[in-house]
Amino acid sequence: QVQLVESGGGLVPPGGSLRLSCAASGIFFSSYAMSWYRQAPGNERELVATINSGGGSTKYRDSAKGRFTISRDNAKNTVYLHMNSLKPEDTAVYYCNAARIGGSIYWGKGTLVTVSS
C-alpha cells in the first residue's frame, strides 16, 4: 500500500520559517519525481516545487523562488520543503505528490500551514 505522509505544518508568524517533510512508503522512492503542491481556501491546487528522482534538478513557482527549497533523501524515502520568509499568502494545505513517467501518481493527505501574526 502506497502512503505519502506529510508533517511539519503549523502556525507561523510572517517572516518565519517551516520545514515540511513527506515520508513515502510502498513505492520505489528513488524512481519518482516528488513535488509539493498547495491549496488555499477557495483556490485551485497549485504546484509549488518539484525535484527529479535523483535530486539534481528542481523547479519552483515564481512566488517560491528564493524563499523555498525542495530537497530529498532517497535513503530515507523522504522529501522536504524548507520555507523561509513566509507570507500570509503562503497559507494553505500543502500536499506531497509522487509521479513517474508512465506510472501512477500518488498524493498525501496534506499538512496545514498558517502564516499569521
Protein backbone atom coordinates (compact mmCIF):
# COMPACT_ATOMS: atom_id res chain seq x y z
CA GLN A 1 0.00 0.00 0.00
CA VAL A 2 1.37 3.37 -1.03
CA GLN A 3 1.49 6.06 1.60
CA LEU A 4 2.73 9.63 1.50
CA VAL A 5 2.61 11.21 4.94
CA GLU A 6 3.24 14.93 5.32
CA SER A 7 4.30 16.59 8.55
CA GLY A 8 5.73 19.86 9.79
CA GLY A 9 2.85 22.23 9.18
CA GLY A 10 1.62 24.69 11.76
CA LEU A 11 1.09 28.31 12.69
CA VAL A 12 4.00 30.66 12.00
CA PRO A 13 4.23 34.48 12.01
CA PRO A 14 5.00 36.41 8.83
CA GLY A 15 8.70 36.22 8.09
CA GLY A 16 9.04 32.89 9.86
CA SER A 17 10.23 29.53 8.62
CA LEU A 18 8.96 25.98 8.48
CA ARG A 19 10.26 22.68 7.18
CA LEU A 20 7.73 20.27 5.75
CA SER A 21 8.52 16.58 5.41
CA CYS A 22 6.88 13.85 3.36
CA ALA A 23 7.69 10.25 4.16
CA ALA A 24 6.92 7.76 1.42
CA SER A 25 6.31 4.04 1.67
CA GLY A 26 5.11 1.37 -0.74
CA ILE A 27 6.89 2.88 -3.77
CA PHE A 28 10.37 2.67 -5.22
CA PHE A 29 11.01 6.19 -3.99
CA SER A 30 14.19 6.91 -5.91
CA SER A 31 12.42 6.37 -9.24
CA TYR A 32 9.78 9.05 -8.61
CA ALA A 33 9.86 12.76 -9.12
CA MET A 34 8.49 14.42 -5.99
CA SER A 35 6.53 17.63 -5.76
CA TRP A 36 4.86 19.88 -3.25
CA TYR A 37 1.51 21.41 -4.12
CA ARG A 38 -0.68 23.72 -2.06
CA GLN A 39 -4.31 24.68 -1.97
CA ALA A 40 -5.68 27.73 -0.22
CA PRO A 41 -9.38 28.03 0.63
CA GLY A 42 -11.37 28.86 -2.48
CA ASN A 43 -8.38 28.34 -4.75
CA GLU A 44 -7.26 25.58 -7.05
CA ARG A 45 -4.37 23.34 -6.09
CA GLU A 46 -1.11 24.76 -7.42
CA LEU A 47 2.37 23.39 -7.91
CA VAL A 48 4.93 24.86 -5.52
CA ALA A 49 8.12 22.92 -6.24
CA THR A 50 9.37 19.76 -7.94
CA ILE A 51 12.54 17.71 -7.60
CA ASN A 52 13.59 14.98 -10.00
CA SER A 53 14.20 11.40 -8.95
CA GLY A 54 17.92 11.86 -8.43
CA GLY A 55 17.63 15.18 -6.69
CA GLY A 56 19.78 17.05 -9.18
CA SER A 57 17.07 19.19 -10.73
CA THR A 58 14.49 21.40 -9.08
CA LYS A 59 11.79 23.78 -10.25
CA TYR A 60 9.74 26.37 -8.35
CA ARG A 61 6.76 28.54 -8.92
CA ASP A 62 7.78 32.16 -9.21
CA SER A 63 6.43 33.17 -5.79
CA ALA A 64 8.52 30.45 -4.11
CA LYS A 65 11.84 31.20 -5.81
CA GLY A 66 14.46 32.43 -3.38
CA ARG A 67 12.32 31.56 -0.34
CA PHE A 68 11.56 27.84 -0.61
CA THR A 69 13.93 24.92 -1.14
CA ILE A 70 12.88 21.41 -2.06
CA SER A 71 15.22 18.53 -1.26
CA ARG A 72 15.08 14.78 -0.90
CA ASP A 73 16.85 11.99 0.92
CA ASN A 74 16.43 8.81 -1.09
CA ALA A 75 17.96 6.74 1.70
CA LYS A 76 15.13 7.88 3.98
CA ASN A 77 12.37 7.90 1.34
CA THR A 78 11.64 11.48 2.34
CA VAL A 79 11.20 14.77 0.54
CA TYR A 80 11.40 18.14 2.27
CA LEU A 81 10.22 21.67 1.67
CA HIS A 82 12.16 24.34 3.52
CA MET A 83 10.14 27.55 3.60
CA ASN A 84 11.64 30.87 4.67
CA SER A 85 10.31 34.43 4.75
CA LEU A 86 6.78 33.13 4.91
CA LYS A 87 3.93 35.42 3.93
CA PRO A 88 0.22 35.32 4.77
CA GLU A 89 -0.46 34.37 1.15
CA ASP A 90 1.53 31.16 1.71
CA THR A 91 -1.28 29.96 3.98
CA ALA A 92 -2.63 26.71 2.51
CA VAL A 93 -2.79 22.98 2.86
CA TYR A 94 0.46 21.60 1.45
CA TYR A 95 0.35 18.26 -0.35
CA CYS A 96 3.11 15.85 -1.28
CA ASN A 97 2.98 14.27 -4.74
CA ALA A 98 4.90 11.36 -6.26
CA ALA A 99 4.91 10.85 -10.03
CA ARG A 100 6.77 8.71 -12.51
CA ILE A 101 6.64 8.83 -16.30
CA GLY A 102 4.32 6.06 -17.43
CA GLY A 103 3.49 5.24 -13.85
CA SER A 104 0.96 6.13 -11.20
CA ILE A 105 0.58 9.40 -9.37
CA TYR A 106 0.20 9.42 -5.61
CA TRP A 107 -0.90 12.10 -3.15
CA GLY A 108 -0.58 12.62 0.55
CA LYS A 109 -3.41 13.93 2.71
CA GLY A 110 -1.79 17.29 3.31
CA THR A 111 -0.50 19.40 6.15
CA LEU A 112 -1.85 22.85 7.02
CA VAL A 113 0.44 25.85 7.02
CA THR A 114 -0.97 29.06 8.50
CA VAL A 115 1.03 32.27 8.30
CA SER A 116 -0.44 34.83 10.65
CA SER A 117 0.51 37.15 13.46
